[in-house]
């Protein structure tokens, strides 16, 4: 069973990744009329962190008898979907980076 310490460590790791991704946007200028990758990544990381915190809040509320189990299951499912999407995007970015490395110069 997840403990508050595990959740706190996970949120700290996500916050650290979000802070590191903020530096990506400073290095590259956004194209005209567009957004830069760093700001999009920062927003996504903040959203995943918020969804995870909502899930933990709902789980704590049901443990204290103040929430409905359906709300908890919904929050956990949203959190799982957000994390799966984030991992999928990360895998695609890594695959693209590896493909660029294999390109002949």
N, C-alpha and C. Protein backbone atom coordinates (compact mmCIF):
# COMPACT_ATOMS: atom_id res chain seq x y z
N UNK A 1 0.85 -1.18 0.00
CA UNK A 1 0.00 0.00 0.00
C UNK A 1 0.89 1.23 0.00
N UNK A 2 0.57 2.20 -0.87
CA UNK A 2 1.37 3.41 -0.91
C UNK A 2 1.32 4.17 0.42
N UNK A 3 2.44 4.70 0.77
CA UNK A 3 2.52 5.48 1.99
C UNK A 3 2.69 6.95 1.62
N UNK A 4 2.41 7.85 2.56
CA UNK A 4 2.60 9.27 2.26
C UNK A 4 4.04 9.61 1.86
N UNK A 5 5.00 8.89 2.43
CA UNK A 5 6.40 9.16 2.09
C UNK A 5 6.69 8.80 0.63
N UNK A 6 6.12 7.70 0.16
CA UNK A 6 6.31 7.31 -1.24
C UNK A 6 5.69 8.35 -2.16
N UNK A 7 4.49 8.79 -1.82
CA UNK A 7 3.82 9.80 -2.64
C UNK A 7 4.62 11.11 -2.63
N UNK A 8 5.12 11.49 -1.47
CA UNK A 8 5.90 12.73 -1.38
C UNK A 8 7.17 12.63 -2.22
N UNK A 9 7.82 11.47 -2.21
CA UNK A 9 9.02 11.28 -3.03
C UNK A 9 8.69 11.34 -4.51
N UNK A 10 7.55 10.77 -4.89
CA UNK A 10 7.14 10.80 -6.30
C UNK A 10 6.86 12.23 -6.75
N UNK A 11 6.18 13.01 -5.91
CA UNK A 11 5.90 14.39 -6.26
C UNK A 11 7.19 15.21 -6.32
N UNK A 12 8.13 14.93 -5.43
CA UNK A 12 9.41 15.64 -5.47
C UNK A 12 10.16 15.33 -6.76
N UNK A 13 10.10 14.07 -7.19
CA UNK A 13 10.77 13.69 -8.43
C UNK A 13 10.11 14.37 -9.63
N UNK A 14 8.78 14.44 -9.64
CA UNK A 14 8.08 15.12 -10.72
C UNK A 14 8.40 16.61 -10.73
N UNK A 15 8.46 17.22 -9.55
CA UNK A 15 8.79 18.64 -9.47
C UNK A 15 10.21 18.90 -9.98
N UNK A 16 11.12 17.99 -9.67
CA UNK A 16 12.49 18.14 -10.13
C UNK A 16 12.55 18.03 -11.66
N UNK A 17 11.80 17.08 -12.22
CA UNK A 17 11.75 16.96 -13.68
C UNK A 17 11.15 18.20 -14.31
N UNK A 18 10.11 18.75 -13.68
CA UNK A 18 9.48 19.95 -14.19
C UNK A 18 10.46 21.12 -14.18
N UNK A 19 11.24 21.24 -13.10
CA UNK A 19 12.22 22.32 -13.02
C UNK A 19 13.31 22.16 -14.07
N UNK A 20 13.73 20.91 -14.29
CA UNK A 20 14.75 20.67 -15.30
C UNK A 20 14.21 20.96 -16.69
N UNK A 21 12.93 20.65 -16.92
CA UNK A 21 12.36 20.89 -18.24
C UNK A 21 12.17 22.38 -18.50
N UNK A 22 12.08 23.17 -17.46
CA UNK A 22 11.93 24.62 -17.65
C UNK A 22 13.15 25.20 -18.34
N UNK A 23 14.33 24.62 -18.13
CA UNK A 23 15.53 25.13 -18.76
C UNK A 23 15.54 24.84 -20.26
N UNK A 24 14.78 23.87 -20.71
CA UNK A 24 14.71 23.57 -22.14
C UNK A 24 14.16 24.76 -22.92
N UNK A 25 13.16 25.41 -22.35
CA UNK A 25 12.53 26.53 -23.04
C UNK A 25 13.39 27.76 -23.11
N UNK A 26 14.34 27.89 -22.21
CA UNK A 26 15.20 29.08 -22.20
C UNK A 26 16.23 29.04 -23.32
N UNK A 27 16.62 27.83 -23.71
CA UNK A 27 17.69 27.70 -24.70
C UNK A 27 17.20 27.90 -26.13
N UNK A 28 16.00 27.45 -26.41
CA UNK A 28 15.50 27.52 -27.78
C UNK A 28 14.35 28.51 -27.86
N UNK A 29 14.42 29.36 -28.85
CA UNK A 29 13.35 30.34 -29.04
C UNK A 29 12.16 29.66 -29.70
N UNK A 30 10.97 30.12 -29.37
CA UNK A 30 9.76 29.56 -29.96
C UNK A 30 9.63 30.07 -31.40
N UNK A 31 9.13 29.20 -32.28
CA UNK A 31 8.91 29.67 -33.64
C UNK A 31 7.83 30.74 -33.64
N UNK A 32 7.80 31.52 -34.72
CA UNK A 32 6.83 32.61 -34.80
C UNK A 32 5.42 32.06 -34.68
N UNK A 33 4.67 32.61 -33.73
CA UNK A 33 3.28 32.21 -33.55
C UNK A 33 3.10 30.87 -32.87
N UNK A 34 4.17 30.25 -32.39
CA UNK A 34 4.08 28.94 -31.79
C UNK A 34 4.53 28.94 -30.34
N UNK A 35 4.52 27.79 -29.76
CA UNK A 35 4.99 27.63 -28.38
C UNK A 35 6.24 26.76 -28.40
N UNK A 36 7.07 26.94 -27.39
CA UNK A 36 8.28 26.12 -27.37
C UNK A 36 8.03 24.82 -26.61
N UNK A 37 8.84 23.85 -26.89
CA UNK A 37 8.70 22.51 -26.32
C UNK A 37 8.85 22.54 -24.81
N UNK A 38 9.74 23.35 -24.30
CA UNK A 38 9.98 23.42 -22.86
C UNK A 38 8.75 23.86 -22.08
N UNK A 39 8.04 24.84 -22.61
CA UNK A 39 6.85 25.31 -21.89
C UNK A 39 5.73 24.29 -21.95
N UNK A 40 5.60 23.59 -23.07
CA UNK A 40 4.59 22.53 -23.17
C UNK A 40 4.92 21.41 -22.20
N UNK A 41 6.18 21.02 -22.14
CA UNK A 41 6.59 19.96 -21.24
C UNK A 41 6.38 20.36 -19.78
N UNK A 42 6.66 21.59 -19.46
CA UNK A 42 6.46 22.09 -18.10
C UNK A 42 4.98 22.04 -17.72
N UNK A 43 4.11 22.45 -18.62
CA UNK A 43 2.67 22.41 -18.36
C UNK A 43 2.16 20.99 -18.17
N UNK A 44 2.65 20.07 -18.99
CA UNK A 44 2.23 18.68 -18.88
C UNK A 44 2.67 18.09 -17.55
N UNK A 45 3.90 18.37 -17.16
CA UNK A 45 4.41 17.85 -15.88
C UNK A 45 3.60 18.41 -14.72
N UNK A 46 3.25 19.68 -14.78
CA UNK A 46 2.44 20.29 -13.73
C UNK A 46 1.06 19.65 -13.68
N UNK A 47 0.50 19.33 -14.83
CA UNK A 47 -0.81 18.70 -14.89
C UNK A 47 -0.77 17.29 -14.31
N UNK A 48 0.25 16.52 -14.65
CA UNK A 48 0.37 15.15 -14.13
C UNK A 48 0.55 15.20 -12.61
N UNK A 49 1.33 16.13 -12.12
CA UNK A 49 1.52 16.27 -10.68
C UNK A 49 0.21 16.62 -10.00
N UNK A 50 -0.56 17.52 -10.59
CA UNK A 50 -1.84 17.92 -10.00
C UNK A 50 -2.83 16.76 -9.97
N UNK A 51 -2.87 15.98 -11.04
CA UNK A 51 -3.77 14.83 -11.08
C UNK A 51 -3.36 13.80 -10.03
N UNK A 52 -2.08 13.59 -9.85
CA UNK A 52 -1.60 12.66 -8.82
C UNK A 52 -1.95 13.12 -7.42
N UNK A 53 -1.82 14.40 -7.18
CA UNK A 53 -2.18 14.93 -5.86
C UNK A 53 -3.67 14.80 -5.60
N UNK A 54 -4.47 15.03 -6.64
CA UNK A 54 -5.92 14.87 -6.49
C UNK A 54 -6.26 13.43 -6.13
N UNK A 55 -5.58 12.49 -6.78
CA UNK A 55 -5.80 11.08 -6.51
C UNK A 55 -5.45 10.75 -5.06
N UNK A 56 -4.33 11.25 -4.58
CA UNK A 56 -3.94 11.00 -3.19
C UNK A 56 -4.90 11.65 -2.21
N UNK A 57 -5.37 12.84 -2.53
CA UNK A 57 -6.33 13.52 -1.66
C UNK A 57 -7.62 12.72 -1.56
N UNK A 58 -8.08 12.20 -2.68
CA UNK A 58 -9.29 11.38 -2.67
C UNK A 58 -9.09 10.09 -1.89
N UNK A 59 -7.93 9.47 -2.04
CA UNK A 59 -7.65 8.24 -1.29
C UNK A 59 -7.60 8.50 0.21
N UNK A 60 -7.00 9.61 0.61
CA UNK A 60 -6.97 9.95 2.03
C UNK A 60 -8.37 10.26 2.55
N UNK A 61 -9.19 10.91 1.74
CA UNK A 61 -10.55 11.25 2.15
C UNK A 61 -11.39 10.00 2.35
N UNK A 62 -11.24 9.01 1.47
CA UNK A 62 -12.01 7.79 1.64
C UNK A 62 -11.52 6.99 2.84
N UNK A 63 -10.24 7.08 3.13
CA UNK A 63 -9.71 6.39 4.32
C UNK A 63 -10.28 6.98 5.60
N UNK A 64 -10.59 8.27 5.57
CA UNK A 64 -11.17 8.93 6.74
C UNK A 64 -12.70 8.87 6.71
N UNK A 65 -13.27 8.25 5.66
CA UNK A 65 -14.71 8.12 5.58
C UNK A 65 -15.42 9.35 5.08
N UNK A 66 -14.71 10.23 4.38
CA UNK A 66 -15.29 11.50 3.93
C UNK A 66 -15.51 11.56 2.42
N UNK A 67 -15.26 10.48 1.71
CA UNK A 67 -15.41 10.51 0.26
C UNK A 67 -16.05 9.22 -0.22
N UNK A 68 -16.53 9.28 -1.43
CA UNK A 68 -17.16 8.14 -2.08
C UNK A 68 -16.08 7.33 -2.80
N UNK A 69 -16.22 6.01 -2.77
CA UNK A 69 -15.23 5.14 -3.40
C UNK A 69 -15.18 5.35 -4.91
N UNK A 70 -16.30 5.70 -5.52
CA UNK A 70 -16.33 5.94 -6.96
C UNK A 70 -15.43 7.12 -7.32
N UNK A 71 -15.44 8.16 -6.49
CA UNK A 71 -14.58 9.32 -6.74
C UNK A 71 -13.11 8.93 -6.66
N UNK A 72 -12.78 8.06 -5.74
CA UNK A 72 -11.39 7.61 -5.60
C UNK A 72 -10.96 6.80 -6.81
N UNK A 73 -11.80 5.88 -7.24
CA UNK A 73 -11.46 5.05 -8.40
C UNK A 73 -11.32 5.93 -9.64
N UNK A 74 -12.18 6.91 -9.80
CA UNK A 74 -12.09 7.82 -10.93
C UNK A 74 -10.79 8.62 -10.89
N UNK A 75 -10.45 9.14 -9.72
CA UNK A 75 -9.22 9.92 -9.58
C UNK A 75 -7.98 9.07 -9.85
N UNK A 76 -7.98 7.85 -9.37
CA UNK A 76 -6.84 6.95 -9.59
C UNK A 76 -6.73 6.60 -11.08
N UNK A 77 -7.86 6.37 -11.73
CA UNK A 77 -7.84 6.06 -13.16
C UNK A 77 -7.33 7.25 -13.97
N UNK A 78 -7.73 8.46 -13.60
CA UNK A 78 -7.23 9.65 -14.28
C UNK A 78 -5.72 9.79 -14.10
N UNK A 79 -5.27 9.52 -12.89
CA UNK A 79 -3.84 9.61 -12.60
C UNK A 79 -3.07 8.57 -13.40
N UNK A 80 -3.59 7.37 -13.46
CA UNK A 80 -2.91 6.30 -14.20
C UNK A 80 -2.85 6.64 -15.69
N UNK A 81 -3.93 7.17 -16.23
CA UNK A 81 -3.96 7.54 -17.64
C UNK A 81 -2.97 8.67 -17.94
N UNK A 82 -2.91 9.66 -17.06
CA UNK A 82 -1.98 10.77 -17.26
C UNK A 82 -0.53 10.29 -17.22
N UNK A 83 -0.22 9.40 -16.30
CA UNK A 83 1.15 8.90 -16.20
C UNK A 83 1.49 8.02 -17.41
N UNK A 84 0.54 7.19 -17.85
CA UNK A 84 0.79 6.37 -19.04
C UNK A 84 1.02 7.24 -20.27
N UNK A 85 0.26 8.31 -20.40
CA UNK A 85 0.45 9.21 -21.53
C UNK A 85 1.82 9.88 -21.46
N UNK A 86 2.20 10.30 -20.27
CA UNK A 86 3.51 10.94 -20.09
C UNK A 86 4.64 9.98 -20.43
N UNK A 87 4.53 8.75 -19.99
CA UNK A 87 5.56 7.75 -20.27
C UNK A 87 5.61 7.45 -21.77
N UNK A 88 4.46 7.41 -22.41
CA UNK A 88 4.41 7.17 -23.85
C UNK A 88 5.09 8.29 -24.62
N UNK A 89 4.83 9.53 -24.24
CA UNK A 89 5.48 10.67 -24.90
C UNK A 89 6.98 10.64 -24.65
N UNK A 90 7.37 10.32 -23.41
CA UNK A 90 8.79 10.22 -23.10
C UNK A 90 9.47 9.18 -23.98
N UNK A 91 8.82 8.03 -24.15
CA UNK A 91 9.40 6.97 -24.98
C UNK A 91 9.54 7.41 -26.43
N UNK A 92 8.55 8.16 -26.93
CA UNK A 92 8.62 8.66 -28.31
C UNK A 92 9.75 9.68 -28.47
N UNK A 93 9.93 10.54 -27.48
CA UNK A 93 11.00 11.53 -27.54
C UNK A 93 12.36 10.84 -27.52
N UNK A 94 12.51 9.84 -26.68
CA UNK A 94 13.77 9.11 -26.61
C UNK A 94 14.02 8.38 -27.92
N UNK A 95 12.99 7.76 -28.49
CA UNK A 95 13.15 7.07 -29.77
C UNK A 95 13.54 8.05 -30.87
N UNK A 96 12.96 9.23 -30.88
CA UNK A 96 13.32 10.24 -31.88
C UNK A 96 14.76 10.69 -31.70
N UNK A 97 15.17 10.88 -30.45
CA UNK A 97 16.55 11.28 -30.17
C UNK A 97 17.53 10.20 -30.63
N UNK A 98 17.21 8.94 -30.37
CA UNK A 98 18.08 7.85 -30.81
C UNK A 98 18.14 7.78 -32.33
N UNK A 99 17.03 8.06 -32.99
CA UNK A 99 17.01 8.07 -34.45
C UNK A 99 17.90 9.18 -34.99
N UNK A 100 17.87 10.34 -34.34
CA UNK A 100 18.73 11.44 -34.76
C UNK A 100 20.20 11.06 -34.57
N UNK A 101 20.52 10.37 -33.49
CA UNK A 101 21.89 9.94 -33.26
C UNK A 101 22.39 8.96 -34.33
N UNK A 102 21.48 8.17 -34.88
CA UNK A 102 21.87 7.19 -35.90
C UNK A 102 22.02 7.80 -37.28
N UNK A 103 21.61 9.04 -37.47
CA UNK A 103 21.70 9.69 -38.78
C UNK A 103 23.16 9.94 -39.14
N UNK A 104 23.50 9.66 -40.39
CA UNK A 104 24.88 9.97 -40.81
C UNK A 104 25.06 11.48 -40.97
N UNK A 105 26.26 11.90 -40.67
CA UNK A 105 26.55 13.34 -40.78
C UNK A 105 27.13 13.65 -42.13
